[in-house]
Amino acid sequence: MNNVNNAIEVKNLTKNYKTFSLDGISFNVPHGYVCGFIGENGAGKTTTLKLVTGMVLRDSGEINILGKSADEPSAKKDLGILFEQSHLYENWTAINIEKALRPFYENWDSTAYHGYLEKFSLLQRQKVKKMSRGMKIKLAMAVTLSHDAKLLLLDEPTAGLDPAARDEMLDIMRGYIADGDRSVFFSTHITSDLEKIADYIVYISGGKILFSGLKDELIEKYCLVKGGVKELNELPESKRKNIIGLRDSGTAGGFEGMMEVMNTGGLPPGIITETVSLEDVMIHSERSRK
């Protein structure tokens, strides 16, 4: 039985390509929250989002959306989908887009759509091909937000936006989930955005899920460890093997790595520990994997 407290449930999902595979991944996106989807380029983020939306067919596994099997057509009606690559017709204007898409959405809200156009400073009669990348993202987001979707699936929604526009987009996401009845699942390589807004994190690497849970649990699980050559040489092998993504600068400098906090007891004096960021977790995890 599906858990109604989850906006998305993915169980043992597999997709095989010639050069890449999703390896039986499983994770949940809790209902009513913002969940960030992180991983380096090619890790499987976009493939996973396309599988969830049905744009790509899975080889095996189970996907549930808002309490329904993703195979049911009705499961898609409450989705708002935005991929990094815009699929808006280049010769259309914002007015043309509304005329073309409105019949497909029973809950289309014209007032909301034009409100977002004004908020994003988008001209109603400017053709898509004359818009900047950032303007195209804003236009696609206006469409995504204008049909009362209960779940937003966003692929790099803040890419190509300047810092002020990115902050504006994050504010819109905050407002979107404010009533507790909506959820957001979005991928991004801008981890600072996730640190501002995400409650949960799903971390994928090489087609496998490395972490799925509360953002604070991920950050609090690890710490940075730093020191000089002397401290590294004094470090027992039993401790050294616990360093994730060790970067040793040799005699020219010191070392830096990441450790699980539970393994930091008994470190030699002189070794510094610092709080990690999401970016730190990704950098050191990927360095260790490679």
Protein backbone atom coordinates (compact mmCIF):
# COMPACT_ATOMS: atom_id res chain seq x y z
CA MET A 1 0.00 0.00 0.00
CA ASN A 2 1.32 3.46 -0.92
CA ASN A 3 2.24 5.88 1.86
CA VAL A 4 0.11 9.02 1.47
CA ASN A 5 2.73 10.95 3.45
CA ASN A 6 5.11 10.67 0.51
CA ALA A 7 4.78 12.77 -2.63
CA ILE A 8 7.08 10.36 -4.50
CA GLU A 9 8.07 6.77 -3.76
CA VAL A 10 10.74 5.09 -5.86
CA LYS A 11 11.47 1.42 -5.20
CA ASN A 12 14.23 -0.63 -6.85
CA LEU A 13 14.13 1.52 -9.99
CA THR A 14 16.38 0.28 -12.79
CA LYS A 15 17.17 1.72 -16.20
CA ASN A 16 20.00 0.42 -18.36
CA TYR A 17 21.72 2.23 -21.20
CA LYS A 18 24.85 1.19 -23.07
CA THR A 19 27.09 3.50 -21.06
CA PHE A 20 25.05 4.15 -17.90
CA SER A 21 22.67 2.38 -15.53
CA LEU A 22 20.41 3.33 -12.66
CA ASP A 23 21.17 0.53 -10.25
CA GLY A 24 17.93 -0.40 -8.45
CA ILE A 25 17.58 2.94 -6.69
CA SER A 26 15.05 3.60 -3.91
CA PHE A 27 14.06 6.83 -2.17
CA ASN A 28 11.05 8.80 -0.92
CA VAL A 29 10.12 12.48 -1.24
CA PRO A 30 7.99 13.43 1.81
CA HIS A 31 4.76 15.30 1.14
CA GLY A 32 4.66 19.00 1.94
CA TYR A 33 8.39 19.73 1.70
CA VAL A 34 11.15 20.85 -0.66
CA CYS A 35 13.50 17.99 -1.52
CA GLY A 36 16.75 18.66 -3.32
CA PHE A 37 18.24 16.16 -5.76
CA ILE A 38 22.03 16.42 -5.98
CA GLY A 39 24.82 14.65 -7.80
CA GLU A 40 27.49 15.45 -10.37
CA ASN A 41 26.67 15.73 -14.07
CA GLY A 42 25.87 12.28 -15.46
CA ALA A 43 24.99 10.83 -12.06
CA GLY A 44 21.41 10.03 -13.13
CA LYS A 45 19.36 13.02 -11.93
CA THR A 46 17.66 13.90 -15.21
CA THR A 47 17.14 10.22 -16.10
CA THR A 48 15.41 9.68 -12.75
CA LEU A 49 13.15 12.71 -13.22
CA LYS A 50 12.20 11.53 -16.71
CA LEU A 51 11.38 8.08 -15.35
CA VAL A 52 9.18 9.60 -12.65
CA THR A 53 7.30 11.68 -15.22
CA GLY A 54 6.96 8.79 -17.67
CA MET A 55 9.04 10.49 -20.36
CA VAL A 56 11.35 7.45 -20.24
CA LEU A 57 10.20 3.87 -19.63
CA ARG A 58 11.82 2.01 -16.74
CA ASP A 59 13.29 -1.48 -17.04
CA SER A 60 12.06 -2.51 -13.60
CA GLY A 61 10.99 -1.12 -10.26
CA GLU A 62 8.05 0.82 -8.89
CA ILE A 63 7.19 4.53 -8.93
CA ASN A 64 4.31 6.06 -6.96
CA ILE A 65 3.23 9.69 -7.30
CA LEU A 66 0.92 11.36 -4.79
CA GLY A 67 -0.36 7.99 -3.58
CA LYS A 68 -0.93 6.53 -7.05
CA SER A 69 1.09 4.30 -9.33
CA ALA A 70 2.95 6.40 -11.89
CA ASP A 71 1.47 4.07 -14.52
CA GLU A 72 -1.99 5.53 -13.91
CA PRO A 73 -2.71 8.48 -16.24
CA SER A 74 -4.48 10.33 -13.41
CA ALA A 75 -1.20 10.40 -11.44
CA LYS A 76 0.21 12.95 -13.90
CA LYS A 77 -2.54 15.58 -13.73
CA ASP A 78 -1.24 17.14 -10.51
CA LEU A 79 2.37 17.40 -11.70
CA GLY A 80 4.15 20.60 -12.63
CA ILE A 81 7.22 19.73 -14.71
CA LEU A 82 10.15 21.92 -15.71
CA PHE A 83 13.27 20.55 -17.38
CA GLU A 84 16.52 22.45 -17.92
CA GLN A 85 16.07 22.35 -21.69
CA SER A 86 13.11 24.52 -22.68
CA HIS A 87 10.56 22.88 -24.98
CA LEU A 88 8.65 26.08 -25.70
CA TYR A 89 8.13 26.82 -29.39
CA GLU A 90 10.57 29.56 -30.36
CA ASN A 91 8.10 31.60 -32.42
CA TRP A 92 5.46 31.68 -29.69
CA THR A 93 4.83 34.55 -27.31
CA ALA A 94 3.59 34.22 -23.72
CA ILE A 95 0.08 34.87 -25.06
CA ASN A 96 0.42 32.09 -27.66
CA ILE A 97 1.69 29.69 -25.01
CA GLU A 98 -1.34 30.25 -22.80
CA LYS A 99 -3.75 29.73 -25.70
CA ALA A 100 -2.00 26.50 -26.67
CA LEU A 101 -1.63 24.99 -23.18
CA ARG A 102 -4.77 26.16 -21.36
CA PRO A 103 -7.05 23.46 -22.89
CA PHE A 104 -4.81 20.70 -21.52
CA TYR A 105 -5.09 21.83 -17.88
CA GLU A 106 -8.47 21.67 -16.19
CA ASN A 107 -7.17 23.87 -13.36
CA TRP A 108 -5.41 26.46 -15.50
CA ASP A 109 -5.41 29.85 -13.70
CA SER A 110 -5.06 32.70 -16.19
CA THR A 111 -4.87 35.30 -13.42
CA ALA A 112 -1.97 33.46 -11.79
CA TYR A 113 -0.17 33.07 -15.13
CA HIS A 114 -0.34 36.76 -15.98
CA GLY A 115 0.63 37.58 -12.40
CA TYR A 116 3.83 35.56 -12.82
CA LEU A 117 4.55 37.20 -16.18
CA GLU A 118 4.34 40.58 -14.47
CA LYS A 119 6.36 39.40 -11.46
CA PHE A 120 9.10 38.06 -13.74
CA SER A 121 9.03 41.22 -15.94
CA LEU A 122 8.19 39.17 -19.04
CA LEU A 123 6.62 40.88 -22.05
CA GLN A 124 3.43 39.14 -23.13
CA ARG A 125 4.07 39.57 -26.86
CA GLN A 126 7.82 38.95 -27.00
CA LYS A 127 8.75 35.80 -28.92
CA VAL A 128 10.56 33.04 -27.04
CA LYS A 129 13.48 33.14 -29.49
CA LYS A 130 14.13 36.77 -28.50
CA MET A 131 14.35 35.91 -24.80
CA SER A 132 17.51 35.29 -22.80
CA ARG A 133 18.08 31.89 -21.19
CA GLY A 134 17.03 33.30 -17.82
CA MET A 135 13.83 34.74 -19.28
CA LYS A 136 12.97 31.40 -20.90
CA ILE A 137 13.39 29.66 -17.53
CA LYS A 138 11.10 32.22 -15.88
CA LEU A 139 8.48 31.79 -18.61
CA ALA A 140 8.56 28.00 -18.27
CA MET A 141 8.26 28.40 -14.49
CA ALA A 142 5.23 30.68 -14.93
CA VAL A 143 3.55 27.92 -16.94
CA THR A 144 4.52 25.29 -14.38
CA LEU A 145 3.03 27.28 -11.50
CA SER A 146 -0.24 28.26 -13.17
CA HIS A 147 -2.31 25.07 -13.11
CA ASP A 148 -2.52 24.26 -9.39
CA ALA A 149 0.00 21.39 -9.47
CA LYS A 150 0.43 19.51 -6.19
CA LEU A 151 3.97 18.36 -6.98
CA LEU A 152 6.67 20.27 -8.84
CA LEU A 153 9.42 18.29 -10.57
CA LEU A 154 12.14 20.74 -11.55
CA ASP A 155 15.42 20.05 -13.33
CA GLU A 156 17.98 22.80 -12.66
CA PRO A 157 15.32 25.53 -12.28
CA THR A 158 17.79 28.19 -11.12
CA ALA A 159 20.53 27.49 -13.69
CA GLY A 160 21.27 30.51 -15.85
CA LEU A 161 19.71 32.97 -13.46
CA ASP A 162 21.59 35.80 -11.76
CA PRO A 163 21.76 35.71 -7.93
CA ALA A 164 18.79 38.08 -7.48
CA ALA A 165 16.60 36.06 -9.87
CA ARG A 166 17.65 32.79 -8.20
CA ASP A 167 16.67 34.18 -4.81
CA GLU A 168 13.33 35.27 -6.29
CA MET A 169 12.75 31.75 -7.62
CA LEU A 170 13.50 30.25 -4.20
CA ASP A 171 10.99 32.63 -2.61
CA ILE A 172 8.37 31.42 -5.07
CA MET A 173 9.07 27.81 -4.08
CA ARG A 174 8.73 28.73 -0.40
CA GLY A 175 5.39 30.34 -1.08
CA TYR A 176 4.28 27.39 -3.20
CA ILE A 177 4.60 24.89 -0.32
CA ALA A 178 3.39 27.29 2.38
CA ASP A 179 -0.05 25.66 2.71
CA GLY A 180 1.54 22.25 3.44
CA ASP A 181 -0.40 20.52 0.66
CA ARG A 182 2.26 20.82 -2.05
CA SER A 183 5.72 19.41 -2.60
CA VAL A 184 8.83 20.24 -4.64
CA PHE A 185 11.49 17.85 -5.93
CA PHE A 186 14.24 19.65 -7.79
CA SER A 187 17.69 18.85 -9.05
CA THR A 188 20.46 21.41 -9.00
CA HIS A 189 24.21 21.73 -8.98
CA ILE A 190 23.91 25.03 -7.07
CA THR A 191 24.08 23.53 -3.58
CA SER A 192 23.87 26.94 -1.90
CA ASP A 193 20.27 27.16 -3.14
CA LEU A 194 19.47 23.87 -1.40
CA GLU A 195 21.04 25.06 1.84
CA LYS A 196 18.60 27.98 1.78
CA ILE A 197 15.40 26.12 1.00
CA ALA A 198 15.58 22.31 1.03
CA ASP A 199 14.34 20.22 3.96
CA TYR A 200 15.34 16.86 2.47
CA ILE A 201 18.15 15.71 0.19
CA VAL A 202 18.49 12.80 -2.21
CA TYR A 203 22.13 12.31 -3.29
CA ILE A 204 22.83 10.16 -6.34
CA SER A 205 26.27 9.17 -7.59
CA GLY A 206 27.10 6.85 -10.47
CA GLY A 207 23.51 5.65 -10.71
CA LYS A 208 23.28 4.75 -7.02
CA ILE A 209 21.66 6.56 -4.10
CA LEU A 210 24.25 7.54 -1.49
CA PHE A 211 21.89 9.36 0.85
CA SER A 212 18.18 10.03 1.20
CA GLY A 213 16.89 11.92 4.22
CA LEU A 214 16.86 15.18 6.13
CA LYS A 215 19.37 17.76 4.91
CA ASP A 216 20.51 18.50 8.45
CA GLU A 217 21.21 14.80 9.07
CA LEU A 218 23.53 14.71 6.05
CA ILE A 219 25.41 17.84 7.06
CA GLU A 220 25.67 16.81 10.71
CA LYS A 221 26.93 13.33 9.78
CA TYR A 222 30.24 14.66 8.44
CA CYS A 223 32.91 17.22 9.21
CA LEU A 224 35.98 18.54 7.42
CA VAL A 225 39.38 17.58 8.84
CA LYS A 226 42.47 19.67 8.09
CA GLY A 227 46.07 19.70 9.18
CA GLY A 228 49.68 19.95 8.17
CA VAL A 229 52.18 17.32 7.04
CA LYS A 230 53.19 16.63 10.64
CA GLU A 231 49.61 15.93 11.71
CA LEU A 232 49.00 13.68 8.71
CA ASN A 233 52.12 11.66 9.45
CA GLU A 234 51.01 11.28 13.07
CA LEU A 235 47.60 10.04 12.03
CA PRO A 236 47.20 6.30 12.74
CA GLU A 237 46.30 4.20 9.70
CA SER A 238 43.06 3.21 11.43
CA LYS A 239 42.07 6.89 11.41
CA ARG A 240 43.53 7.75 8.02
CA LYS A 241 41.40 5.14 6.26
CA ASN A 242 38.30 6.92 7.62
CA ILE A 243 39.14 10.13 5.73
CA ILE A 244 36.84 10.53 2.74
CA GLY A 245 38.30 12.21 -0.33
CA LEU A 246 41.73 12.89 1.19
CA ARG A 247 43.64 15.66 -0.56
CA ASP A 248 47.30 15.57 0.42
CA SER A 249 49.34 18.56 -0.75
CA GLY A 250 52.59 16.90 0.33
CA THR A 251 55.49 18.95 1.63
CA ALA A 252 54.06 22.06 -0.04
CA GLY A 253 51.16 22.21 2.36
CA GLY A 254 48.81 20.19 4.48
CA PHE A 255 45.89 17.88 3.92
CA GLU A 256 42.13 18.15 3.82
CA GLY A 257 39.40 15.54 3.84
CA MET A 258 36.04 14.64 5.28
CA MET A 259 35.17 12.24 8.08
CA GLU A 260 32.06 10.97 9.73
CA VAL A 261 31.77 12.83 13.02
CA MET A 262 31.54 9.54 14.93
CA ASN A 263 35.07 8.66 13.74
CA THR A 264 36.78 11.87 14.87
CA GLY A 265 37.53 10.81 18.44
CA GLY A 266 41.23 10.48 19.25
CA LEU A 267 42.54 12.64 16.40
CA PRO A 268 46.06 14.02 17.03
CA PRO A 269 46.35 17.57 18.42
CA GLY A 270 46.64 20.15 15.67
CA ILE A 271 44.05 18.61 13.37
CA ILE A 272 41.22 21.05 12.78
CA THR A 273 37.61 19.98 12.31
CA GLU A 274 35.06 22.20 10.59
CA THR A 275 31.38 22.03 9.66
CA VAL A 276 30.71 20.77 6.13
CA SER A 277 28.47 22.27 3.45
CA LEU A 278 26.52 20.25 0.89
CA GLU A 279 29.17 21.21 -1.64
CA ASP A 280 31.89 19.80 0.65
CA VAL A 281 29.98 16.52 0.96
CA MET A 282 29.70 16.20 -2.81
CA ILE A 283 33.30 17.16 -3.55
CA HIS A 284 34.86 14.75 -1.08
CA SER A 285 32.42 11.91 -1.78
CA GLU A 286 33.06 12.11 -5.52
CA ARG A 287 36.84 12.37 -5.01
CA SER A 288 36.69 9.25 -2.86
CA ARG A 289 34.53 7.36 -5.39
CA LYS A 290 36.93 8.12 -8.24
